């Protein structure tokens, strides 16, 4: 695992992998997606515009699901919706999509 500087006290990484985060108008930014025992965190690469660290506390996640976007068609997209109605979309490595969804859902159901 890569060295990370965003972990909080008592927080540990459960899963990490390369990912893209979809933004407005089908634009994506590349980086890494981390699932910790407390949050889902997207850390953008250095060359990306906008926020460099996006985080969703596990207690705020209402559901996860598949997403097929007509502007950015990819079967590897995971949609995460918060209890407040905000939606995040992440494109992950295809072989890891099911694992990401399962681990996120398991941790959310525990909280």
N, C-alpha and C. Protein backbone atom coordinates (compact mmCIF):
# COMPACT_ATOMS: atom_id res chain seq x y z
N UNK A 1 0.83 -1.18 0.00
CA UNK A 1 0.00 0.00 0.00
C UNK A 1 0.87 1.25 0.00
N UNK A 2 0.39 2.24 -0.71
CA UNK A 2 1.12 3.50 -0.79
C UNK A 2 1.02 4.25 0.54
N UNK A 3 1.98 5.12 0.77
CA UNK A 3 1.95 5.95 1.98
C UNK A 3 0.85 6.99 1.81
N UNK A 4 0.03 7.13 2.82
CA UNK A 4 -1.05 8.11 2.77
C UNK A 4 -0.93 9.06 3.96
N UNK A 5 -1.40 10.29 3.76
CA UNK A 5 -1.28 11.30 4.80
C UNK A 5 -2.63 11.80 5.30
N UNK A 6 -3.69 11.11 4.95
CA UNK A 6 -5.03 11.59 5.31
C UNK A 6 -5.72 10.74 6.38
N UNK A 7 -5.07 9.68 6.82
CA UNK A 7 -5.72 8.82 7.81
C UNK A 7 -5.89 9.53 9.14
N UNK A 8 -7.04 9.32 9.76
CA UNK A 8 -7.31 9.87 11.07
C UNK A 8 -6.93 8.84 12.13
N UNK A 9 -6.90 9.25 13.37
CA UNK A 9 -6.54 8.34 14.45
C UNK A 9 -7.53 7.16 14.48
N UNK A 10 -7.00 5.95 14.56
CA UNK A 10 -7.83 4.75 14.61
C UNK A 10 -8.36 4.30 13.26
N UNK A 11 -7.95 4.97 12.19
CA UNK A 11 -8.44 4.64 10.86
C UNK A 11 -7.43 3.75 10.14
N UNK A 12 -7.93 2.75 9.43
CA UNK A 12 -7.05 1.86 8.67
C UNK A 12 -7.64 1.60 7.29
N UNK A 13 -6.77 1.34 6.34
CA UNK A 13 -7.19 1.10 4.96
C UNK A 13 -7.63 -0.35 4.81
N UNK A 14 -8.82 -0.53 4.24
CA UNK A 14 -9.37 -1.86 3.96
C UNK A 14 -9.04 -2.26 2.52
N UNK A 15 -9.16 -1.28 1.59
CA UNK A 15 -8.94 -1.55 0.17
C UNK A 15 -8.50 -0.25 -0.50
N UNK A 16 -7.67 -0.37 -1.53
CA UNK A 16 -7.27 0.79 -2.32
C UNK A 16 -7.04 0.36 -3.75
N UNK A 17 -7.19 1.30 -4.66
CA UNK A 17 -6.95 1.00 -6.06
C UNK A 17 -7.05 2.25 -6.92
N UNK A 18 -6.49 2.18 -8.12
CA UNK A 18 -6.58 3.28 -9.06
C UNK A 18 -8.04 3.46 -9.47
N UNK A 19 -8.43 4.71 -9.64
CA UNK A 19 -9.81 5.00 -10.01
C UNK A 19 -9.89 6.38 -10.65
N UNK A 20 -11.00 6.63 -11.29
CA UNK A 20 -11.35 7.97 -11.78
C UNK A 20 -12.64 8.37 -11.10
N UNK A 21 -12.76 9.66 -10.84
CA UNK A 21 -13.98 10.18 -10.24
C UNK A 21 -14.66 11.06 -11.28
N UNK A 22 -15.92 10.75 -11.58
CA UNK A 22 -16.66 11.52 -12.57
C UNK A 22 -17.11 12.83 -11.96
N UNK A 23 -16.93 13.88 -12.75
CA UNK A 23 -17.38 15.21 -12.37
C UNK A 23 -18.44 15.67 -13.36
N UNK A 24 -18.77 16.92 -13.35
CA UNK A 24 -19.80 17.47 -14.25
C UNK A 24 -19.41 17.29 -15.72
N UNK A 25 -20.42 17.14 -16.56
CA UNK A 25 -20.27 17.07 -18.01
C UNK A 25 -19.39 15.91 -18.47
N UNK A 26 -19.35 14.85 -17.71
CA UNK A 26 -18.60 13.67 -18.12
C UNK A 26 -17.10 13.76 -17.94
N UNK A 27 -16.62 14.84 -17.36
CA UNK A 27 -15.19 15.01 -17.11
C UNK A 27 -14.80 14.14 -15.92
N UNK A 28 -13.66 13.49 -16.02
CA UNK A 28 -13.19 12.67 -14.91
C UNK A 28 -11.83 13.16 -14.44
N UNK A 29 -11.53 12.85 -13.19
CA UNK A 29 -10.18 13.10 -12.69
C UNK A 29 -9.63 11.80 -12.15
N UNK A 30 -8.37 11.56 -12.41
CA UNK A 30 -7.73 10.32 -12.00
C UNK A 30 -7.12 10.42 -10.63
N UNK A 31 -6.98 9.28 -10.01
CA UNK A 31 -6.36 9.23 -8.69
C UNK A 31 -6.49 7.85 -8.09
N UNK A 32 -6.62 7.82 -6.78
CA UNK A 32 -6.76 6.55 -6.04
C UNK A 32 -7.99 6.62 -5.16
N UNK A 33 -8.66 5.48 -5.09
CA UNK A 33 -9.82 5.35 -4.22
C UNK A 33 -9.40 4.47 -3.04
N UNK A 34 -9.76 4.92 -1.85
CA UNK A 34 -9.43 4.20 -0.63
C UNK A 34 -10.71 3.94 0.14
N UNK A 35 -10.83 2.73 0.64
CA UNK A 35 -11.91 2.39 1.56
C UNK A 35 -11.24 2.14 2.89
N UNK A 36 -11.63 2.93 3.89
CA UNK A 36 -11.08 2.73 5.23
C UNK A 36 -12.20 2.21 6.14
N UNK A 37 -11.86 1.95 7.36
CA UNK A 37 -12.88 1.49 8.31
C UNK A 37 -13.80 2.64 8.73
N UNK A 38 -13.55 3.87 8.23
CA UNK A 38 -14.37 5.02 8.58
C UNK A 38 -14.93 5.81 7.39
N UNK A 39 -14.23 5.75 6.24
CA UNK A 39 -14.61 6.60 5.11
C UNK A 39 -14.28 5.95 3.78
N UNK A 40 -14.89 6.51 2.73
CA UNK A 40 -14.50 6.24 1.35
C UNK A 40 -13.81 7.52 0.90
N UNK A 41 -12.56 7.41 0.46
CA UNK A 41 -11.75 8.59 0.15
C UNK A 41 -11.21 8.48 -1.27
N UNK A 42 -11.38 9.56 -2.04
CA UNK A 42 -10.77 9.65 -3.36
C UNK A 42 -9.69 10.72 -3.29
N UNK A 43 -8.46 10.32 -3.61
CA UNK A 43 -7.33 11.25 -3.61
C UNK A 43 -6.91 11.46 -5.06
N UNK A 44 -7.13 12.67 -5.56
CA UNK A 44 -6.83 12.99 -6.95
C UNK A 44 -5.33 13.08 -7.18
N UNK A 45 -4.94 12.79 -8.40
CA UNK A 45 -3.54 12.94 -8.78
C UNK A 45 -3.13 14.41 -8.79
N UNK A 46 -1.86 14.66 -8.79
CA UNK A 46 -1.34 16.03 -8.70
C UNK A 46 -1.74 16.92 -9.86
N UNK A 47 -1.94 16.36 -11.04
CA UNK A 47 -2.21 17.16 -12.23
C UNK A 47 -3.69 17.47 -12.42
N UNK A 48 -4.55 17.04 -11.54
CA UNK A 48 -5.98 17.26 -11.67
C UNK A 48 -6.38 18.61 -11.09
N UNK A 49 -7.44 19.18 -11.68
CA UNK A 49 -8.02 20.42 -11.17
C UNK A 49 -9.07 20.09 -10.13
N UNK A 50 -9.43 21.06 -9.34
CA UNK A 50 -10.49 20.87 -8.34
C UNK A 50 -9.94 20.30 -7.06
N UNK A 51 -10.85 19.75 -6.27
CA UNK A 51 -10.45 19.23 -4.96
C UNK A 51 -9.48 18.06 -5.11
N UNK A 52 -8.56 17.97 -4.21
CA UNK A 52 -7.56 16.91 -4.24
C UNK A 52 -7.96 15.73 -3.36
N UNK A 53 -8.89 15.96 -2.43
CA UNK A 53 -9.31 14.90 -1.51
C UNK A 53 -10.82 15.00 -1.31
N UNK A 54 -11.52 13.99 -1.75
CA UNK A 54 -12.96 13.91 -1.55
C UNK A 54 -13.21 12.74 -0.62
N UNK A 55 -14.07 12.95 0.37
CA UNK A 55 -14.30 11.90 1.34
C UNK A 55 -15.78 11.77 1.66
N UNK A 56 -16.20 10.55 1.92
CA UNK A 56 -17.57 10.26 2.29
C UNK A 56 -17.51 9.38 3.55
N UNK A 57 -17.94 9.92 4.69
CA UNK A 57 -17.99 9.07 5.89
C UNK A 57 -18.94 7.89 5.65
N UNK A 58 -18.58 6.71 6.13
CA UNK A 58 -19.39 5.52 5.90
C UNK A 58 -20.81 5.70 6.42
N UNK A 59 -20.96 6.42 7.53
CA UNK A 59 -22.28 6.65 8.09
C UNK A 59 -23.18 7.51 7.23
N UNK A 60 -22.59 8.22 6.25
CA UNK A 60 -23.37 9.07 5.34
C UNK A 60 -23.82 8.34 4.09
N UNK A 61 -23.29 7.14 3.85
CA UNK A 61 -23.62 6.42 2.61
C UNK A 61 -24.98 5.74 2.76
N UNK A 62 -25.86 6.05 1.82
CA UNK A 62 -27.20 5.45 1.82
C UNK A 62 -27.22 4.19 0.97
N UNK A 63 -26.51 4.21 -0.18
CA UNK A 63 -26.52 3.04 -1.05
C UNK A 63 -25.39 3.10 -2.06
N UNK A 64 -25.07 1.94 -2.60
CA UNK A 64 -24.12 1.84 -3.70
C UNK A 64 -24.82 1.11 -4.83
N UNK A 65 -24.34 1.31 -6.03
CA UNK A 65 -24.96 0.63 -7.16
C UNK A 65 -24.11 0.74 -8.40
N UNK A 66 -24.61 0.14 -9.46
CA UNK A 66 -23.95 0.23 -10.75
C UNK A 66 -24.43 1.49 -11.44
N UNK A 67 -23.63 1.99 -12.32
CA UNK A 67 -24.02 3.18 -13.06
C UNK A 67 -23.52 3.04 -14.49
N UNK A 68 -24.40 3.24 -15.44
CA UNK A 68 -24.00 3.31 -16.84
C UNK A 68 -24.41 4.69 -17.32
N UNK A 69 -23.45 5.48 -17.70
CA UNK A 69 -23.66 6.87 -18.07
C UNK A 69 -23.58 7.00 -19.58
N UNK A 70 -24.57 7.61 -20.21
CA UNK A 70 -24.55 7.72 -21.67
C UNK A 70 -23.43 8.63 -22.17
N UNK A 71 -22.96 9.54 -21.31
CA UNK A 71 -21.87 10.43 -21.70
C UNK A 71 -20.50 9.81 -21.46
N UNK A 72 -20.44 8.83 -20.60
CA UNK A 72 -19.18 8.18 -20.27
C UNK A 72 -19.48 6.69 -20.05
N UNK A 73 -19.79 5.99 -21.15
CA UNK A 73 -20.21 4.59 -20.98
C UNK A 73 -19.07 3.69 -20.54
N UNK A 74 -19.21 3.12 -19.38
CA UNK A 74 -18.25 2.17 -18.85
C UNK A 74 -18.97 1.23 -17.89
N UNK A 75 -18.74 -0.05 -18.02
CA UNK A 75 -19.38 -0.98 -17.10
C UNK A 75 -18.69 -1.04 -15.73
N UNK A 76 -17.62 -0.28 -15.56
CA UNK A 76 -16.84 -0.33 -14.33
C UNK A 76 -17.15 0.81 -13.38
N UNK A 77 -18.30 1.44 -13.53
CA UNK A 77 -18.63 2.59 -12.69
C UNK A 77 -19.46 2.17 -11.48
N UNK A 78 -19.06 2.69 -10.33
CA UNK A 78 -19.79 2.48 -9.09
C UNK A 78 -20.41 3.82 -8.69
N UNK A 79 -21.66 3.78 -8.33
CA UNK A 79 -22.36 4.98 -7.86
C UNK A 79 -22.54 4.86 -6.36
N UNK A 80 -22.18 5.92 -5.64
CA UNK A 80 -22.36 5.98 -4.19
C UNK A 80 -23.25 7.19 -3.89
N UNK A 81 -24.37 6.94 -3.24
CA UNK A 81 -25.30 8.01 -2.90
C UNK A 81 -25.31 8.20 -1.39
N UNK A 82 -25.25 9.46 -0.98
CA UNK A 82 -25.27 9.76 0.44
C UNK A 82 -26.71 9.92 0.92
N UNK A 83 -26.87 9.90 2.23
CA UNK A 83 -28.20 10.10 2.83
C UNK A 83 -28.73 11.49 2.52
N UNK A 84 -27.84 12.43 2.23
CA UNK A 84 -28.24 13.78 1.86
C UNK A 84 -28.58 13.93 0.39
N UNK A 85 -28.45 12.83 -0.38
CA UNK A 85 -28.82 12.86 -1.79
C UNK A 85 -27.71 13.17 -2.77
N UNK A 86 -26.50 13.38 -2.29
CA UNK A 86 -25.38 13.64 -3.19
C UNK A 86 -24.89 12.32 -3.79
N UNK A 87 -24.57 12.36 -5.08
CA UNK A 87 -24.12 11.16 -5.76
C UNK A 87 -22.67 11.32 -6.20
N UNK A 88 -21.88 10.29 -5.96
CA UNK A 88 -20.49 10.22 -6.40
C UNK A 88 -20.39 9.03 -7.36
N UNK A 89 -19.59 9.20 -8.41
CA UNK A 89 -19.41 8.12 -9.36
C UNK A 89 -17.92 7.87 -9.56
N UNK A 90 -17.52 6.61 -9.38
CA UNK A 90 -16.13 6.22 -9.48
C UNK A 90 -15.98 5.12 -10.53
N UNK A 91 -14.97 5.26 -11.37
CA UNK A 91 -14.65 4.22 -12.34
C UNK A 91 -13.46 3.46 -11.78
N UNK A 92 -13.65 2.18 -11.53
CA UNK A 92 -12.61 1.35 -10.93
C UNK A 92 -12.16 0.29 -11.93
N UNK A 93 -11.10 -0.41 -11.59
CA UNK A 93 -10.63 -1.51 -12.41
C UNK A 93 -11.74 -2.56 -12.49
N UNK A 94 -12.05 -3.00 -13.69
CA UNK A 94 -13.18 -3.90 -13.91
C UNK A 94 -13.20 -5.13 -13.03
N UNK A 95 -12.05 -5.74 -12.83
CA UNK A 95 -12.00 -6.96 -12.03
C UNK A 95 -12.27 -6.68 -10.55
N UNK A 96 -12.17 -5.41 -10.13
CA UNK A 96 -12.36 -5.08 -8.72
C UNK A 96 -13.73 -4.49 -8.42
N UNK A 97 -14.55 -4.23 -9.42
CA UNK A 97 -15.83 -3.55 -9.20
C UNK A 97 -16.69 -4.28 -8.17
N UNK A 98 -16.88 -5.57 -8.34
CA UNK A 98 -17.72 -6.33 -7.41
C UNK A 98 -17.13 -6.32 -6.00
N UNK A 99 -15.81 -6.40 -5.90
CA UNK A 99 -15.17 -6.38 -4.59
C UNK A 99 -15.35 -5.03 -3.89
N UNK A 100 -15.20 -3.93 -4.65
CA UNK A 100 -15.41 -2.60 -4.08
C UNK A 100 -16.83 -2.50 -3.53
N UNK A 101 -17.82 -2.86 -4.35
CA UNK A 101 -19.21 -2.74 -3.93
C UNK A 101 -19.49 -3.58 -2.69
N UNK A 102 -19.01 -4.81 -2.69
CA UNK A 102 -19.25 -5.70 -1.56
C UNK A 102 -18.64 -5.16 -0.27
N UNK A 103 -17.39 -4.71 -0.35
CA UNK A 103 -16.72 -4.22 0.86
C UNK A 103 -17.34 -2.93 1.37
N UNK A 104 -17.72 -2.03 0.47
CA UNK A 104 -18.38 -0.79 0.89
C UNK A 104 -19.70 -1.13 1.58
N UNK A 105 -20.51 -1.96 0.94
CA UNK A 105 -21.81 -2.32 1.50
C UNK A 105 -21.68 -3.01 2.86
N UNK A 106 -20.70 -3.90 2.97
CA UNK A 106 -20.49 -4.60 4.26
C UNK A 106 -20.14 -3.63 5.38
N UNK A 107 -19.26 -2.67 5.09
CA UNK A 107 -18.86 -1.70 6.12
C UNK A 107 -20.01 -0.75 6.45
N UNK A 108 -20.76 -0.33 5.45
CA UNK A 108 -21.88 0.58 5.68
C UNK A 108 -22.93 -0.11 6.54
N UNK A 109 -23.19 -1.38 6.27
CA UNK A 109 -24.20 -2.12 7.04
C UNK A 109 -23.78 -2.35 8.48
N UNK A 110 -22.49 -2.33 8.76
CA UNK A 110 -21.98 -2.48 10.14
C UNK A 110 -22.13 -1.21 10.94
N UNK A 111 -22.11 -0.06 10.25
CA UNK A 111 -22.15 1.23 10.96
C UNK A 111 -23.54 1.63 11.34
